[in-house]
Amino acid sequence: MYEVLSSFAQTGGLIYFVVMFGCALAYALWPSNKSKFDDAAQLPLSDKGPHHD
């Protein structure tokens, strides 16, 4: 019984983390988010604070 439950939890956990990684990767590489990430990347180099649109 323990082995079956352990195997199910391991498989489910792996699938869950692969799906979450895919979602995070898709969000990071989505074309409409590029300007937001480019602005955030320049903040440490800017003398101004964050701008609010």
N, C-alpha and C. Protein backbone atom coordinates (compact mmCIF):
# COMPACT_ATOMS: atom_id res chain seq x y z
N MET A 1 0.82 -1.20 0.00
CA MET A 1 0.00 0.00 0.00
C MET A 1 0.87 1.27 0.00
N TYR A 2 1.92 1.26 0.84
CA TYR A 2 2.80 2.42 0.92
C TYR A 2 3.50 2.67 -0.41
N GLU A 3 3.93 1.61 -1.07
CA GLU A 3 4.65 1.76 -2.33
C GLU A 3 3.75 2.36 -3.41
N VAL A 4 2.50 1.96 -3.44
CA VAL A 4 1.56 2.48 -4.43
C VAL A 4 1.31 3.96 -4.18
N LEU A 5 1.07 4.32 -2.92
CA LEU A 5 0.83 5.72 -2.57
C LEU A 5 2.06 6.58 -2.83
N SER A 6 3.23 6.05 -2.50
CA SER A 6 4.48 6.77 -2.75
C SER A 6 4.71 6.99 -4.24
N SER A 7 4.48 5.97 -5.02
CA SER A 7 4.66 6.09 -6.47
C SER A 7 3.68 7.09 -7.06
N PHE A 8 2.44 7.06 -6.61
CA PHE A 8 1.43 8.00 -7.09
C PHE A 8 1.82 9.44 -6.74
N ALA A 9 2.29 9.66 -5.50
CA ALA A 9 2.68 11.00 -5.07
C ALA A 9 3.89 11.49 -5.86
N GLN A 10 4.85 10.62 -6.11
CA GLN A 10 6.03 11.02 -6.87
C GLN A 10 5.67 11.37 -8.30
N THR A 11 4.85 10.58 -8.92
CA THR A 11 4.44 10.84 -10.30
C THR A 11 3.61 12.11 -10.38
N GLY A 12 2.67 12.26 -9.47
CA GLY A 12 1.84 13.46 -9.45
C GLY A 12 2.66 14.71 -9.20
N GLY A 13 3.62 14.62 -8.28
CA GLY A 13 4.48 15.76 -8.00
C GLY A 13 5.34 16.15 -9.19
N LEU A 14 5.86 15.16 -9.87
CA LEU A 14 6.68 15.42 -11.06
C LEU A 14 5.85 16.11 -12.14
N ILE A 15 4.66 15.59 -12.39
CA ILE A 15 3.79 16.19 -13.40
C ILE A 15 3.43 17.62 -13.01
N TYR A 16 3.11 17.83 -11.73
CA TYR A 16 2.76 19.17 -11.24
C TYR A 16 3.91 20.15 -11.46
N PHE A 17 5.13 19.78 -11.09
CA PHE A 17 6.26 20.69 -11.23
C PHE A 17 6.63 20.93 -12.70
N VAL A 18 6.48 19.94 -13.55
CA VAL A 18 6.74 20.13 -14.98
C VAL A 18 5.73 21.11 -15.57
N VAL A 19 4.46 20.96 -15.19
CA VAL A 19 3.42 21.88 -15.69
C VAL A 19 3.67 23.29 -15.17
N MET A 20 4.01 23.44 -13.89
CA MET A 20 4.28 24.77 -13.33
C MET A 20 5.50 25.41 -13.99
N PHE A 21 6.54 24.61 -14.26
CA PHE A 21 7.72 25.14 -14.94
C PHE A 21 7.35 25.60 -16.34
N GLY A 22 6.54 24.83 -17.03
CA GLY A 22 6.09 25.21 -18.37
C GLY A 22 5.30 26.51 -18.35
N CYS A 23 4.43 26.66 -17.35
CA CYS A 23 3.65 27.90 -17.23
C CYS A 23 4.56 29.10 -16.95
N ALA A 24 5.53 28.93 -16.05
CA ALA A 24 6.46 30.02 -15.75
C ALA A 24 7.30 30.37 -16.97
N LEU A 25 7.74 29.38 -17.70
CA LEU A 25 8.53 29.62 -18.91
C LEU A 25 7.70 30.33 -19.97
N ALA A 26 6.47 29.91 -20.15
CA ALA A 26 5.59 30.56 -21.13
C ALA A 26 5.34 32.01 -20.74
N TYR A 27 5.12 32.27 -19.45
CA TYR A 27 4.90 33.64 -18.99
C TYR A 27 6.14 34.50 -19.23
N ALA A 28 7.31 33.96 -18.95
CA ALA A 28 8.54 34.73 -19.11
C ALA A 28 8.86 35.00 -20.58
N LEU A 29 8.48 34.11 -21.46
CA LEU A 29 8.82 34.27 -22.88
C LEU A 29 7.67 34.80 -23.72
N TRP A 30 6.53 35.10 -23.11
CA TRP A 30 5.37 35.61 -23.86
C TRP A 30 5.72 36.97 -24.45
N PRO A 31 5.49 37.20 -25.73
CA PRO A 31 5.91 38.45 -26.38
C PRO A 31 5.32 39.72 -25.74
N SER A 32 4.11 39.67 -25.25
CA SER A 32 3.51 40.89 -24.69
C SER A 32 4.13 41.28 -23.35
N ASN A 33 4.90 40.41 -22.71
CA ASN A 33 5.56 40.73 -21.44
C ASN A 33 6.96 41.29 -21.65
N LYS A 34 7.44 41.34 -22.87
CA LYS A 34 8.81 41.77 -23.14
C LYS A 34 9.09 43.18 -22.65
N SER A 35 8.20 44.12 -22.92
CA SER A 35 8.46 45.50 -22.51
C SER A 35 8.49 45.62 -20.99
N LYS A 36 7.65 44.89 -20.30
CA LYS A 36 7.65 44.93 -18.84
C LYS A 36 8.97 44.41 -18.27
N PHE A 37 9.48 43.31 -18.83
CA PHE A 37 10.74 42.75 -18.36
C PHE A 37 11.93 43.62 -18.76
N ASP A 38 11.87 44.24 -19.94
CA ASP A 38 12.94 45.15 -20.35
C ASP A 38 13.00 46.36 -19.43
N ASP A 39 11.85 46.93 -19.07
CA ASP A 39 11.82 48.06 -18.14
C ASP A 39 12.38 47.65 -16.78
N ALA A 40 12.00 46.49 -16.29
CA ALA A 40 12.48 46.01 -14.99
C ALA A 40 13.98 45.75 -15.02
N ALA A 41 14.50 45.30 -16.16
CA ALA A 41 15.93 45.03 -16.27
C ALA A 41 16.76 46.30 -16.21
N GLN A 42 16.19 47.43 -16.64
CA GLN A 42 16.92 48.69 -16.65
C GLN A 42 16.81 49.46 -15.34
N LEU A 43 15.95 49.05 -14.42
CA LEU A 43 15.77 49.78 -13.16
C LEU A 43 17.05 49.94 -12.34
N PRO A 44 17.89 48.92 -12.19
CA PRO A 44 19.11 49.11 -11.40
C PRO A 44 20.06 50.14 -12.00
N LEU A 45 19.98 50.35 -13.30
CA LEU A 45 20.88 51.28 -13.97
C LEU A 45 20.30 52.69 -14.07
N SER A 46 19.07 52.85 -13.68
CA SER A 46 18.38 54.13 -13.84
C SER A 46 18.49 54.96 -12.56
N ASP A 47 18.57 56.29 -12.74
CA ASP A 47 18.57 57.19 -11.60
C ASP A 47 17.15 57.45 -11.11
N LYS A 48 16.20 57.22 -11.96
CA LYS A 48 14.81 57.42 -11.61
C LYS A 48 14.26 56.18 -10.91
N GLY A 49 13.18 56.38 -10.19
CA GLY A 49 12.49 55.25 -9.58
C GLY A 49 11.61 54.57 -10.60
N PRO A 50 10.88 53.59 -10.16
CA PRO A 50 9.96 52.92 -11.09
C PRO A 50 8.87 53.88 -11.56
N HIS A 51 8.56 53.83 -12.83
CA HIS A 51 7.52 54.69 -13.35
C HIS A 51 6.20 53.95 -13.36
N HIS A 52 5.14 54.68 -13.16
CA HIS A 52 3.80 54.09 -13.16
C HIS A 52 3.05 54.59 -14.37
N ASP A 53 2.57 53.66 -15.17
CA ASP A 53 1.84 54.03 -16.40
C ASP A 53 0.43 54.42 -16.07
